[in-house]
Amino acid sequence: MAVFNKVILVGRLTRDPECRTFGNGGKVAKFGFAVNNRRKNSQTGQWEDEPMFIDCEAYNRGEFGTLANTIEQYCKKGSQILIEGKLHLDTWDDKTTGQKRQKHKIVVDQMQLLDRREDGQGGAPRSTGAASSSSNRSDGGDHYDAPEPATAGSGGSGEEIPF
């Protein structure tokens, strides 16, 4: 039986990331994330947004991992990001009732900042000189080469992040 556990979502942080360091030098950034599900109301026939709230964790993995640092530095409540990760079932015993509790969370492997920078603060890089009107195209239309969004993954030296 094949196993595949991958989640890709675009949404916004519902709270500022909370970071914690480990004794071995590792770090985790925990944050709330919200996405909208669109559904049609059967009574009114109107489309409605139904928000979903998800807890997320991002770790600095490996010797050169910087994902938690990047999230701590560039993301805040309301930031729009794309996350890629795995679903994880968290289980625990409720201290007050003693019952078994559980919830799904996402362990983030990669993220992309989608907000535009304002006054040098976080977010995706501004398009500087990337727009060009190309009269050499066969269709005669204007052409815009969008810059690649900034990414941060679980490994690498962090040099691929352009900020």
C-alpha atoms as a PDB file:
ATOM      1  CA  MET A   1       0.000   0.000   0.000  1.00  0.00           C
ATOM      2  CA  ALA A   2       1.420   3.366  -1.011  1.00  0.00           C
ATOM      3  CA  VAL A   3       1.632   6.193   1.508  1.00  0.00           C
ATOM      4  CA  PHE A   4       1.602   9.856   0.528  1.00  0.00           C
ATOM      5  CA  ASN A   5       1.267  12.692   3.033  1.00  0.00           C
ATOM      6  CA  LYS A   6       1.699  16.165   1.531  1.00  0.00           C
ATOM      7  CA  VAL A   7      -0.220  19.390   2.080  1.00  0.00           C
ATOM      8  CA  ILE A   8       0.142  22.634   0.101  1.00  0.00           C
ATOM      9  CA  LEU A   9      -1.884  25.620   1.292  1.00  0.00           C
ATOM     10  CA  VAL A  10      -2.023  29.383   0.781  1.00  0.00           C
ATOM     11  CA  GLY A  11      -3.373  31.367   3.682  1.00  0.00           C
ATOM     12  CA  ARG A  12      -2.600  33.875   6.411  1.00  0.00           C
ATOM     13  CA  LEU A  13      -1.067  33.660   9.861  1.00  0.00           C
ATOM     14  CA  THR A  14      -3.660  34.070  12.605  1.00  0.00           C
ATOM     15  CA  ARG A  15      -1.073  35.010  15.229  1.00  0.00           C
ATOM     16  CA  ASP A  16       2.582  35.987  15.424  1.00  0.00           C
ATOM     17  CA  PRO A  17       4.942  32.992  15.368  1.00  0.00           C
ATOM     18  CA  GLU A  18       6.063  31.735  18.777  1.00  0.00           C
ATOM     19  CA  CYS A  19       9.619  30.400  18.693  1.00  0.00           C
ATOM     20  CA  ARG A  20      11.393  28.085  21.073  1.00  0.00           C
ATOM     21  CA  THR A  21      14.978  26.857  20.993  1.00  0.00           C
ATOM     22  CA  PHE A  22      16.180  23.424  22.042  1.00  0.00           C
ATOM     23  CA  GLY A  23      19.281  22.540  24.045  1.00  0.00           C
ATOM     24  CA  ASN A  24      20.949  21.113  20.931  1.00  0.00           C
ATOM     25  CA  GLY A  25      20.665  24.449  19.083  1.00  0.00           C
ATOM     26  CA  GLY A  26      17.499  23.514  17.169  1.00  0.00           C
ATOM     27  CA  LYS A  27      14.509  25.820  16.887  1.00  0.00           C
ATOM     28  CA  VAL A  28      10.774  25.511  16.277  1.00  0.00           C
ATOM     29  CA  ALA A  29       8.347  28.225  15.153  1.00  0.00           C
ATOM     30  CA  LYS A  30       4.693  27.584  15.996  1.00  0.00           C
ATOM     31  CA  PHE A  31       1.909  29.626  14.411  1.00  0.00           C
ATOM     32  CA  GLY A  32      -1.757  29.581  13.582  1.00  0.00           C
ATOM     33  CA  PHE A  33      -2.790  29.483   9.925  1.00  0.00           C
ATOM     34  CA  ALA A  34      -6.138  30.146   8.249  1.00  0.00           C
ATOM     35  CA  VAL A  35      -7.456  29.179   4.829  1.00  0.00           C
ATOM     36  CA  ASN A  36     -10.916  29.597   3.316  1.00  0.00           C
ATOM     37  CA  ASN A  37     -13.133  26.876   1.916  1.00  0.00           C
ATOM     38  CA  ARG A  38     -15.746  28.121  -0.518  1.00  0.00           C
ATOM     39  CA  ARG A  39     -19.083  26.395  -0.413  1.00  0.00           C
ATOM     40  CA  LYS A  40     -22.470  27.091  -1.891  1.00  0.00           C
ATOM     41  CA  ASN A  41     -25.232  27.747   0.612  1.00  0.00           C
ATOM     42  CA  SER A  42     -28.038  25.358  -0.383  1.00  0.00           C
ATOM     43  CA  GLN A  43     -30.739  27.703   0.949  1.00  0.00           C
ATOM     44  CA  THR A  44     -29.610  31.011  -0.586  1.00  0.00           C
ATOM     45  CA  GLY A  45     -27.602  29.719  -3.550  1.00  0.00           C
ATOM     46  CA  GLN A  46     -24.795  32.153  -2.649  1.00  0.00           C
ATOM     47  CA  TRP A  47     -21.140  31.181  -2.363  1.00  0.00           C
ATOM     48  CA  GLU A  48     -19.762  31.596   1.155  1.00  0.00           C
ATOM     49  CA  ASP A  49     -16.278  31.509   2.640  1.00  0.00           C
ATOM     50  CA  GLU A  50     -15.870  29.031   5.453  1.00  0.00           C
ATOM     51  CA  PRO A  51     -12.593  29.605   7.338  1.00  0.00           C
ATOM     52  CA  MET A  52     -10.428  26.724   8.545  1.00  0.00           C
ATOM     53  CA  PHE A  53      -7.891  27.263  11.312  1.00  0.00           C
ATOM     54  CA  ILE A  54      -4.800  25.061  11.460  1.00  0.00           C
ATOM     55  CA  ASP A  55      -1.884  24.886  13.900  1.00  0.00           C
ATOM     56  CA  CYS A  56       1.526  24.713  12.209  1.00  0.00           C
ATOM     57  CA  GLU A  57       5.095  24.002  13.289  1.00  0.00           C
ATOM     58  CA  ALA A  58       8.298  24.725  11.360  1.00  0.00           C
ATOM     59  CA  TYR A  59      11.720  23.486  12.439  1.00  0.00           C
ATOM     60  CA  ASN A  60      15.300  24.400  11.650  1.00  0.00           C
ATOM     61  CA  ARG A  61      16.378  21.003  10.326  1.00  0.00           C
ATOM     62  CA  GLY A  62      19.899  19.871   9.801  1.00  0.00           C
ATOM     63  CA  GLU A  63      23.076  21.838  10.233  1.00  0.00           C
ATOM     64  CA  PHE A  64      22.053  24.601   7.831  1.00  0.00           C
ATOM     65  CA  GLY A  65      18.269  24.648   8.341  1.00  0.00           C
ATOM     66  CA  THR A  66      16.801  28.159   8.644  1.00  0.00           C
ATOM     67  CA  LEU A  67      13.044  27.707   8.164  1.00  0.00           C
ATOM     68  CA  ALA A  68      12.026  28.569  11.754  1.00  0.00           C
ATOM     69  CA  ASN A  69      14.381  31.579  11.733  1.00  0.00           C
ATOM     70  CA  THR A  70      12.898  32.839   8.451  1.00  0.00           C
ATOM     71  CA  ILE A  71       9.338  32.521   9.728  1.00  0.00           C
ATOM     72  CA  GLU A  72      10.246  34.269  12.985  1.00  0.00           C
ATOM     73  CA  GLN A  73      11.989  37.124  11.165  1.00  0.00           C
ATOM     74  CA  TYR A  74       9.671  37.779   8.197  1.00  0.00           C
ATOM     75  CA  CYS A  75       6.186  36.575   9.192  1.00  0.00           C
ATOM     76  CA  LYS A  76       3.672  38.144  11.517  1.00  0.00           C
ATOM     77  CA  LYS A  77      -0.062  37.968  12.149  1.00  0.00           C
ATOM     78  CA  GLY A  78      -1.825  38.588   8.828  1.00  0.00           C
ATOM     79  CA  SER A  79       1.149  37.637   6.621  1.00  0.00           C
ATOM     80  CA  GLN A  80       0.137  35.684   3.536  1.00  0.00           C
ATOM     81  CA  ILE A  81       2.332  32.658   2.855  1.00  0.00           C
ATOM     82  CA  LEU A  82       2.311  29.377   0.990  1.00  0.00           C
ATOM     83  CA  ILE A  83       3.209  26.379   3.108  1.00  0.00           C
ATOM     84  CA  GLU A  84       4.144  22.881   2.069  1.00  0.00           C
ATOM     85  CA  GLY A  85       4.336  20.131   4.629  1.00  0.00           C
ATOM     86  CA  LYS A  86       2.863  17.015   6.179  1.00  0.00           C
ATOM     87  CA  LEU A  87      -0.216  16.344   8.268  1.00  0.00           C
ATOM     88  CA  HIS A  88       0.601  15.136  11.755  1.00  0.00           C
ATOM     89  CA  LEU A  89      -1.812  13.836  14.386  1.00  0.00           C
ATOM     90  CA  ASP A  90      -1.015  15.253  17.821  1.00  0.00           C
ATOM     91  CA  THR A  91      -2.409  13.269  20.784  1.00  0.00           C
ATOM     92  CA  TRP A  92      -2.389  14.049  24.500  1.00  0.00           C
ATOM     93  CA  ASP A  93      -4.302  13.476  27.743  1.00  0.00           C
ATOM     94  CA  ASP A  94      -6.465  16.397  28.875  1.00  0.00           C
ATOM     95  CA  LYS A  95      -5.196  17.497  32.293  1.00  0.00           C
ATOM     96  CA  THR A  96      -8.612  18.561  33.588  1.00  0.00           C
ATOM     97  CA  THR A  97     -10.799  15.679  32.375  1.00  0.00           C
ATOM     98  CA  GLY A  98      -8.202  12.944  31.805  1.00  0.00           C
ATOM     99  CA  GLN A  99      -9.688  12.199  28.370  1.00  0.00           C
ATOM    100  CA  LYS A 100      -7.579  11.428  25.317  1.00  0.00           C
ATOM    101  CA  ARG A 101      -7.475  14.445  22.993  1.00  0.00           C
ATOM    102  CA  GLN A 102      -6.150  14.810  19.465  1.00  0.00           C
ATOM    103  CA  LYS A 103      -5.852  17.326  16.662  1.00  0.00           C
ATOM    104  CA  HIS A 104      -4.249  17.526  13.265  1.00  0.00           C
ATOM    105  CA  LYS A 105      -1.461  19.996  12.646  1.00  0.00           C
ATOM    106  CA  ILE A 106       0.873  20.694   9.754  1.00  0.00           C
ATOM    107  CA  VAL A 107       4.623  20.230  10.080  1.00  0.00           C
ATOM    108  CA  VAL A 108       5.965  22.703   7.532  1.00  0.00           C
ATOM    109  CA  ASP A 109       8.809  21.618   5.229  1.00  0.00           C
ATOM    110  CA  GLN A 110       8.894  24.667   2.946  1.00  0.00           C
ATOM    111  CA  MET A 111       7.255  28.067   2.730  1.00  0.00           C
ATOM    112  CA  GLN A 112       7.021  31.015   0.362  1.00  0.00           C
ATOM    113  CA  LEU A 113       6.412  34.603   1.400  1.00  0.00           C
ATOM    114  CA  LEU A 114       3.586  36.043  -0.702  1.00  0.00           C
ATOM    115  CA  ASP A 115       3.147  39.549   0.739  1.00  0.00           C
ATOM    116  CA  ARG A 116       4.785  42.486  -0.987  1.00  0.00           C
ATOM    117  CA  ARG A 117       7.527  44.256   0.916  1.00  0.00           C
ATOM    118  CA  GLU A 118       6.690  47.635   2.352  1.00  0.00           C
ATOM    119  CA  ASP A 119       9.523  49.935   3.426  1.00  0.00           C
ATOM    120  CA  GLY A 120      12.026  47.076   3.477  1.00  0.00           C
ATOM    121  CA  GLN A 121       9.959  44.922   5.841  1.00  0.00           C
ATOM    122  CA  GLY A 122       9.529  41.173   5.114  1.00  0.00           C
ATOM    123  CA  GLY A 123       7.511  39.615   2.337  1.00  0.00           C
ATOM    124  CA  ALA A 124       8.213  38.711  -1.247  1.00  0.00           C
ATOM    125  CA  PRO A 125      10.719  40.785  -3.192  1.00  0.00           C
ATOM    126  CA  ARG A 126       9.366  43.720  -5.139  1.00  0.00           C
ATOM    127  CA  SER A 127       9.489  43.516  -8.881  1.00  0.00           C
ATOM    128  CA  THR A 128      12.286  45.879  -9.861  1.00  0.00           C
ATOM    129  CA  GLY A 129      12.835  46.172 -13.570  1.00  0.00           C
ATOM    130  CA  ALA A 130      11.235  42.794 -14.277  1.00  0.00           C
ATOM    131  CA  ALA A 131       8.407  44.237 -16.337  1.00  0.00           C
ATOM    132  CA  SER A 132       9.244  44.697 -19.964  1.00  0.00           C
ATOM    133  CA  SER A 133       7.210  45.510 -23.006  1.00  0.00           C
ATOM    134  CA  SER A 134       8.384  43.087 -25.664  1.00  0.00           C
ATOM    135  CA  SER A 135       7.613  44.007 -29.244  1.00  0.00           C
ATOM    136  CA  ASN A 136       9.609  40.991 -30.491  1.00  0.00           C
ATOM    137  CA  ARG A 137       6.913  38.550 -29.449  1.00  0.00           C
ATOM    138  CA  SER A 138       5.012  36.888 -32.240  1.00  0.00           C
ATOM    139  CA  ASP A 139       1.649  37.612 -30.617  1.00  0.00           C
ATOM    140  CA  GLY A 140       2.526  41.303 -30.282  1.00  0.00           C
ATOM    141  CA  GLY A 141       1.442  41.366 -26.623  1.00  0.00           C
ATOM    142  CA  ASP A 142       3.213  42.733 -23.595  1.00  0.00           C
ATOM    143  CA  HIS A 143       5.222  40.285 -21.580  1.00  0.00           C
ATOM    144  CA  TYR A 144       5.893  40.337 -17.842  1.00  0.00           C
ATOM    145  CA  ASP A 145       8.478  38.086 -16.235  1.00  0.00           C
ATOM    146  CA  ALA A 146       7.434  37.790 -12.608  1.00  0.00           C
ATOM    147  CA  PRO A 147      10.246  37.243 -10.119  1.00  0.00           C
ATOM    148  CA  GLU A 148      10.327  33.938  -8.301  1.00  0.00           C
ATOM    149  CA  PRO A 149       8.905  34.242  -4.752  1.00  0.00           C
ATOM    150  CA  ALA A 150      11.345  33.912  -1.879  1.00  0.00           C
ATOM    151  CA  THR A 151      11.539  30.391  -0.527  1.00  0.00           C
ATOM    152  CA  ALA A 152      12.914  28.796   2.555  1.00  0.00           C
ATOM    153  CA  GLY A 153      13.279  25.068   2.921  1.00  0.00           C
ATOM    154  CA  SER A 154      14.460  22.580   5.420  1.00  0.00           C
ATOM    155  CA  GLY A 155      18.022  22.526   4.202  1.00  0.00           C
ATOM    156  CA  GLY A 156      20.608  24.474   2.291  1.00  0.00           C
ATOM    157  CA  SER A 157      22.717  27.391   3.368  1.00  0.00           C
ATOM    158  CA  GLY A 158      19.936  29.966   3.009  1.00  0.00           C
ATOM    159  CA  GLU A 159      21.727  31.634   0.086  1.00  0.00           C
ATOM    160  CA  GLU A 160      18.725  31.007  -2.195  1.00  0.00           C
ATOM    161  CA  ILE A 161      16.684  33.523  -0.179  1.00  0.00           C
ATOM    162  CA  PRO A 162      17.161  36.919  -1.858  1.00  0.00           C
ATOM    163  CA  PHE A 163      16.846  39.091   1.251  1.00  0.00           C
END
